[in-house]
Every structure is written in C-alpha cells, then in structure tokens.
C-alpha atoms as a PDB file:
ATOM      1  CA  UNK A   1      15.071   1.955   7.985  1.00  0.00           C
ATOM      2  CA  UNK A   2      11.392   1.857   8.467  1.00  0.00           C
ATOM      3  CA  UNK A   3       9.284   4.530   9.904  1.00  0.00           C
ATOM      4  CA  UNK A   4       6.202   6.659   9.644  1.00  0.00           C
ATOM      5  CA  UNK A   5       6.313   9.370   7.293  1.00  0.00           C
ATOM      6  CA  UNK A   6       6.531  13.252   8.055  1.00  0.00           C
ATOM      7  CA  UNK A   7       4.918  15.951   6.115  1.00  0.00           C
ATOM      8  CA  UNK A   8       8.395  16.613   4.951  1.00  0.00           C
ATOM      9  CA  UNK A   9       8.238  12.880   2.957  1.00  0.00           C
ATOM     10  CA  UNK A  10       5.340  13.813   0.826  1.00  0.00           C
ATOM     11  CA  UNK A  11       7.314  15.549  -2.040  1.00  0.00           C
ATOM     12  CA  UNK A  12       9.325  12.634  -1.909  1.00  0.00           C
ATOM     13  CA  UNK A  13       6.266  10.033  -2.088  1.00  0.00           C
ATOM     14  CA  UNK A  14       5.089  12.531  -4.985  1.00  0.00           C
ATOM     15  CA  UNK A  15       8.392  12.262  -6.852  1.00  0.00           C
ATOM     16  CA  UNK A  16       8.519   8.435  -6.280  1.00  0.00           C
ATOM     17  CA  UNK A  17       4.896   7.897  -7.842  1.00  0.00           C
ATOM     18  CA  UNK A  18       5.681  10.153 -10.502  1.00  0.00           C
ATOM     19  CA  UNK A  19       9.063   8.156 -11.582  1.00  0.00           C
ATOM     20  CA  UNK A  20       7.098   4.650 -10.968  1.00  0.00           C
ATOM     21  CA  UNK A  21       5.145   5.009 -14.394  1.00  0.00           C
ATOM     22  CA  UNK A  22       2.539   2.762 -13.025  1.00  0.00           C
ATOM     23  CA  UNK A  23       0.483   4.296 -10.219  1.00  0.00           C
ATOM     24  CA  UNK A  24      -1.937   7.076 -10.362  1.00  0.00           C
ATOM     25  CA  UNK A  25      -0.214  10.437  -9.541  1.00  0.00           C
ATOM     26  CA  UNK A  26      -1.968  12.470  -7.129  1.00  0.00           C
ATOM     27  CA  UNK A  27      -1.499  16.014  -6.154  1.00  0.00           C
ATOM     28  CA  UNK A  28       1.170  16.771  -3.332  1.00  0.00           C
ATOM     29  CA  UNK A  29      -1.772  17.787  -1.169  1.00  0.00           C
ATOM     30  CA  UNK A  30      -2.993  14.721  -1.095  1.00  0.00           C
ATOM     31  CA  UNK A  31       0.223  12.901  -0.244  1.00  0.00           C
ATOM     32  CA  UNK A  32       0.661  15.786   2.472  1.00  0.00           C
ATOM     33  CA  UNK A  33      -2.618  14.923   4.044  1.00  0.00           C
ATOM     34  CA  UNK A  34      -1.587  11.315   4.402  1.00  0.00           C
ATOM     35  CA  UNK A  35       1.547  12.086   5.800  1.00  0.00           C
ATOM     36  CA  UNK A  36      -0.125  14.391   8.392  1.00  0.00           C
ATOM     37  CA  UNK A  37      -3.151  12.438   9.085  1.00  0.00           C
ATOM     38  CA  UNK A  38      -2.956   8.885   8.410  1.00  0.00           C
ATOM     39  CA  UNK A  39       1.177   8.679   9.543  1.00  0.00           C
ATOM     40  CA  UNK A  40       0.009   5.675  11.400  1.00  0.00           C
ATOM     41  CA  UNK A  41      -1.201   3.664   8.807  1.00  0.00           C
ATOM     42  CA  UNK A  42       1.596   4.677   6.164  1.00  0.00           C
ATOM     43  CA  UNK A  43       5.307   3.493   6.232  1.00  0.00           C
ATOM     44  CA  UNK A  44       8.200   4.756   4.569  1.00  0.00           C
ATOM     45  CA  UNK A  45      11.867   2.949   4.224  1.00  0.00           C
ATOM     46  CA  UNK A  46      14.667   5.209   3.667  1.00  0.00           C
ATOM     47  CA  UNK A  47      18.174   5.367   3.827  1.00  0.00           C
ATOM     48  CA  UNK A  48      20.245   8.348   4.794  1.00  0.00           C
ATOM     49  CA  UNK A  49      17.170  10.372   4.033  1.00  0.00           C
ATOM     50  CA  UNK A  50      16.844   8.786   0.441  1.00  0.00           C
ATOM     51  CA  UNK A  51      13.246   7.211   0.140  1.00  0.00           C
ATOM     52  CA  UNK A  52      13.438   3.786  -0.964  1.00  0.00           C
ATOM     53  CA  UNK A  53       9.871   2.798  -0.523  1.00  0.00           C
ATOM     54  CA  UNK A  54       6.669   3.759   0.649  1.00  0.00           C
ATOM     55  CA  UNK A  55       2.942   2.373   1.545  1.00  0.00           C
ATOM     56  CA  UNK A  56       0.099   4.435   2.192  1.00  0.00           C
ATOM     57  CA  UNK A  57      -2.973   3.281   3.680  1.00  0.00           C
ATOM     58  CA  UNK A  58      -5.825   3.825   5.992  1.00  0.00           C
ATOM     59  CA  UNK A  59      -8.049   1.842   8.098  1.00  0.00           C
ATOM     60  CA  UNK A  60     -11.557   1.814   6.780  1.00  0.00           C
ATOM     61  CA  UNK A  61     -14.033   4.160   8.638  1.00  0.00           C
ATOM     62  CA  UNK A  62     -16.764   1.295   8.886  1.00  0.00           C
ATOM     63  CA  UNK A  63     -14.608  -1.503   9.103  1.00  0.00           C
ATOM     64  CA  UNK A  64     -11.667  -0.605  11.764  1.00  0.00           C
ATOM     65  CA  UNK A  65     -10.264  -4.025  11.865  1.00  0.00           C
ATOM     66  CA  UNK A  66      -9.264  -3.691   7.777  1.00  0.00           C
ATOM     67  CA  UNK A  67      -6.403  -1.581   6.458  1.00  0.00           C
ATOM     68  CA  UNK A  68      -6.991  -0.423   2.954  1.00  0.00           C
ATOM     69  CA  UNK A  69      -3.606   0.076   1.191  1.00  0.00           C
ATOM     70  CA  UNK A  70      -3.754   2.877  -1.239  1.00  0.00           C
ATOM     71  CA  UNK A  71      -0.518   2.868  -3.001  1.00  0.00           C
ATOM     72  CA  UNK A  72       3.072   1.107  -2.651  1.00  0.00           C
ATOM     73  CA  UNK A  73       6.221   1.736  -4.299  1.00  0.00           C
ATOM     74  CA  UNK A  74       9.779   0.846  -4.396  1.00  0.00           C
ATOM     75  CA  UNK A  75      12.575   3.141  -6.062  1.00  0.00           C
ATOM     76  CA  UNK A  76      13.910   1.570  -8.760  1.00  0.00           C
ATOM     77  CA  UNK A  77      17.634   1.270  -7.237  1.00  0.00           C
ATOM     78  CA  UNK A  78      15.872  -0.633  -4.127  1.00  0.00           C
ATOM     79  CA  UNK A  79      14.051  -3.156  -6.234  1.00  0.00           C
ATOM     80  CA  UNK A  80      14.412  -7.135  -5.774  1.00  0.00           C
ATOM     81  CA  UNK A  81      15.268  -7.016  -2.357  1.00  0.00           C
ATOM     82  CA  UNK A  82      11.823  -7.840  -0.840  1.00  0.00           C
ATOM     83  CA  UNK A  83      11.352  -4.293   0.287  1.00  0.00           C
ATOM     84  CA  UNK A  84       7.593  -3.989  -0.592  1.00  0.00           C
ATOM     85  CA  UNK A  85       6.737  -6.994   1.174  1.00  0.00           C
ATOM     86  CA  UNK A  86       8.666  -6.277   4.430  1.00  0.00           C
ATOM     87  CA  UNK A  87       6.871  -2.774   4.403  1.00  0.00           C
ATOM     88  CA  UNK A  88       3.514  -4.191   4.234  1.00  0.00           C
ATOM     89  CA  UNK A  89       4.451  -6.758   6.903  1.00  0.00           C
ATOM     90  CA  UNK A  90       6.049  -3.948   9.338  1.00  0.00           C
ATOM     91  CA  UNK A  91       3.008  -1.857   8.607  1.00  0.00           C
ATOM     92  CA  UNK A  92       0.870  -4.716   9.832  1.00  0.00           C
ATOM     93  CA  UNK A  93       2.935  -5.311  12.641  1.00  0.00           C
ATOM     94  CA  UNK A  94       2.711  -1.485  13.716  1.00  0.00           C
ATOM     95  CA  UNK A  95      -1.217  -1.947  13.349  1.00  0.00           C
ATOM     96  CA  UNK A  96      -1.637  -4.893  15.299  1.00  0.00           C
ATOM     97  CA  UNK A  97      -2.878  -3.017  18.459  1.00  0.00           C
ATOM     98  CA  UNK A  98      -5.984  -1.974  16.226  1.00  0.00           C
ATOM     99  CA  UNK A  99      -6.536  -5.821  15.592  1.00  0.00           C
ATOM    100  CA  UNK A 100      -6.164  -5.652  12.053  1.00  0.00           C
ATOM    101  CA  UNK A 101      -7.312  -8.712  10.776  1.00  0.00           C
ATOM    102  CA  UNK A 102      -8.357  -7.780   7.089  1.00  0.00           C
ATOM    103  CA  UNK A 103      -6.136  -6.060   4.328  1.00  0.00           C
ATOM    104  CA  UNK A 104      -8.135  -4.465   1.407  1.00  0.00           C
ATOM    105  CA  UNK A 105      -6.659  -2.841  -1.832  1.00  0.00           C
ATOM    106  CA  UNK A 106      -7.320  -2.649  -5.686  1.00  0.00           C
ATOM    107  CA  UNK A 107      -5.191  -3.645  -8.145  1.00  0.00           C
ATOM    108  CA  UNK A 108      -5.334  -3.265 -11.997  1.00  0.00           C
ATOM    109  CA  UNK A 109      -5.024  -6.470 -13.777  1.00  0.00           C
ATOM    110  CA  UNK A 110      -1.815  -5.499 -15.809  1.00  0.00           C
ATOM    111  CA  UNK A 111       0.033  -4.641 -12.323  1.00  0.00           C
ATOM    112  CA  UNK A 112       1.464  -8.121 -12.023  1.00  0.00           C
ATOM    113  CA  UNK A 113       4.290  -6.740  -9.690  1.00  0.00           C
ATOM    114  CA  UNK A 114       1.429  -5.792  -6.938  1.00  0.00           C
ATOM    115  CA  UNK A 115      -0.710  -8.712  -7.704  1.00  0.00           C
ATOM    116  CA  UNK A 116       2.730 -10.991  -7.049  1.00  0.00           C
ATOM    117  CA  UNK A 117       3.162  -8.917  -3.634  1.00  0.00           C
ATOM    118  CA  UNK A 118      -0.266  -9.300  -2.365  1.00  0.00           C
ATOM    119  CA  UNK A 119      -0.253 -13.313  -3.127  1.00  0.00           C
ATOM    120  CA  UNK A 120       3.069 -13.620  -1.471  1.00  0.00           C
ATOM    121  CA  UNK A 121       1.724 -11.633   1.594  1.00  0.00           C
ATOM    122  CA  UNK A 122      -1.798 -13.811   1.768  1.00  0.00           C
ATOM    123  CA  UNK A 123       0.464 -16.874   1.844  1.00  0.00           C
ATOM    124  CA  UNK A 124       2.728 -15.439   4.574  1.00  0.00           C
ATOM    125  CA  UNK A 125      -0.144 -14.619   6.675  1.00  0.00           C
ATOM    126  CA  UNK A 126      -1.484 -18.003   5.758  1.00  0.00           C
ATOM    127  CA  UNK A 127      -4.932 -16.404   4.764  1.00  0.00           C
ATOM    128  CA  UNK A 128      -6.989 -16.415   1.509  1.00  0.00           C
ATOM    129  CA  UNK A 129      -6.863 -13.637  -0.967  1.00  0.00           C
ATOM    130  CA  UNK A 130     -10.287 -13.030  -2.706  1.00  0.00           C
ATOM    131  CA  UNK A 131     -10.860 -10.645  -5.740  1.00  0.00           C
ATOM    132  CA  UNK A 132     -13.929  -9.117  -6.652  1.00  0.00           C
ATOM    133  CA  UNK A 133     -15.676  -6.339  -8.576  1.00  0.00           C
ATOM    134  CA  UNK A 134     -14.139  -2.959  -7.691  1.00  0.00           C
ATOM    135  CA  UNK A 135     -14.066   0.263  -9.819  1.00  0.00           C
ATOM    136  CA  UNK A 136     -14.826  -0.211 -13.334  1.00  0.00           C
ATOM    137  CA  UNK A 137     -13.095   1.526 -16.217  1.00  0.00           C
ATOM    138  CA  UNK A 138     -16.036   3.627 -17.167  1.00  0.00           C
ATOM    139  CA  UNK A 139     -15.754   5.359 -13.705  1.00  0.00           C
ATOM    140  CA  UNK A 140     -12.435   7.009 -14.651  1.00  0.00           C
ATOM    141  CA  UNK A 141     -13.244  10.124 -16.794  1.00  0.00           C
ATOM    142  CA  UNK A 142     -10.027   9.928 -18.717  1.00  0.00           C
ATOM    143  CA  UNK A 143     -11.080   7.045 -20.522  1.00  0.00           C
ATOM    144  CA  UNK A 144      -7.626   5.601 -20.430  1.00  0.00           C
ATOM    145  CA  UNK A 145      -7.555   3.831 -16.775  1.00  0.00           C
ATOM    146  CA  UNK A 146      -7.973   0.164 -16.341  1.00  0.00           C
ATOM    147  CA  UNK A 147     -10.689  -1.256 -14.078  1.00  0.00           C
ATOM    148  CA  UNK A 148      -9.593  -1.899 -10.417  1.00  0.00           C
ATOM    149  CA  UNK A 149     -10.659  -4.908  -8.544  1.00  0.00           C
ATOM    150  CA  UNK A 150     -10.857  -4.937  -5.095  1.00  0.00           C
ATOM    151  CA  UNK A 151      -8.646  -7.550  -3.278  1.00  0.00           C
ATOM    152  CA  UNK A 152      -9.290  -8.494   0.104  1.00  0.00           C
ATOM    153  CA  UNK A 153      -6.997 -10.756   2.360  1.00  0.00           C
ATOM    154  CA  UNK A 154      -7.804 -12.345   5.468  1.00  0.00           C
ATOM    155  CA  UNK A 155      -9.107 -13.145   8.091  1.00  0.00           C
ATOM    156  CA  UNK A 156      -5.490 -13.090   9.624  1.00  0.00           C
ATOM    157  CA  UNK A 157      -3.539 -13.108  12.968  1.00  0.00           C
ATOM    158  CA  UNK A 158      -0.570 -10.274  12.667  1.00  0.00           C
ATOM    159  CA  UNK A 159       1.137 -12.309  15.596  1.00  0.00           C
ATOM    160  CA  UNK A 160       1.622 -15.358  13.445  1.00  0.00           C
ATOM    161  CA  UNK A 161       3.303 -13.217  10.311  1.00  0.00           C
ATOM    162  CA  UNK A 162       6.139 -14.948   9.083  1.00  0.00           C
END
C-alpha cells in the first residue's frame, strides 16, 4: 500500500492537492521534481493504482536529522482511517537510517485536521511539539493566505515509534 512515488504519480498528487481545497496548489512541475529528486522523503498510499494519500517532504540541507513535511493529503474516500498518521510513521521508519530525530512543518491556524495529526504523531513519538513564528501572512503576495507558523517535533527515536 505504501511506496515511494515515481514521476508518474506527480499528476495524481497535483489533482489530490487541488481537490483538497485546503493545500496550496503548486505546479505539476513542482510535484514532478519532488517525485524524481526527493522520492525517498515522499510517500504515497495507493490501492489498485488509485492514489489514496501522499506525504511530500525533504531532509533539511543544514540539518540532515530533520525531516521537513511540506504537504500531506488524504483522498476524500479514504479519510477517517488514520491513513495520514500511518503514512507519516512509515515515512519516518523509511528514513530511520538517516538518523532523523526531528520533524518540522508549517501549518496554518485554521487547518485543525493537520494540527491534530501532528499532535497525535508527537504523542506516538513520545516527544514534544513546539510551535514558533514562521511565515507571516504579509510574505504571501496574494494577500489571502494565513500565516504559516513553524511546528517542530522532537527529538525522537523512530525505533520507539508506536
């Protein structure tokens, strides 16, 4: 069910982001790059070639023990099954050999589902979740984007993941 993405998955990821109505829609090219160059830090869940969920991320260049989660989404028909949390845990397990001990992301204040997801992950990792100022809404040129506070979980040991 879980696997790293290929470039053929990029258009499906783009569609799922668009259908989410919550996430920032990036160009298909952006998702192609993620699937090609960052496949080891991205994960998809599919069933019979139907995309059910995805997580995109990358290890921070200046801190290789930190995994930054860029976007995560679950298709409407697959929601309510804990798929997002399972995908995050699986991605952390697959990056354990990189000694990842921190997870970082940004989540807008109104995205309560993502906030709850990362709180659950922090509990399962038996670690703290710290929120700090991130990207202020004034940095987004369209003028219709909420601030994106930084969220950091860790330190944690993936071997102890429940």
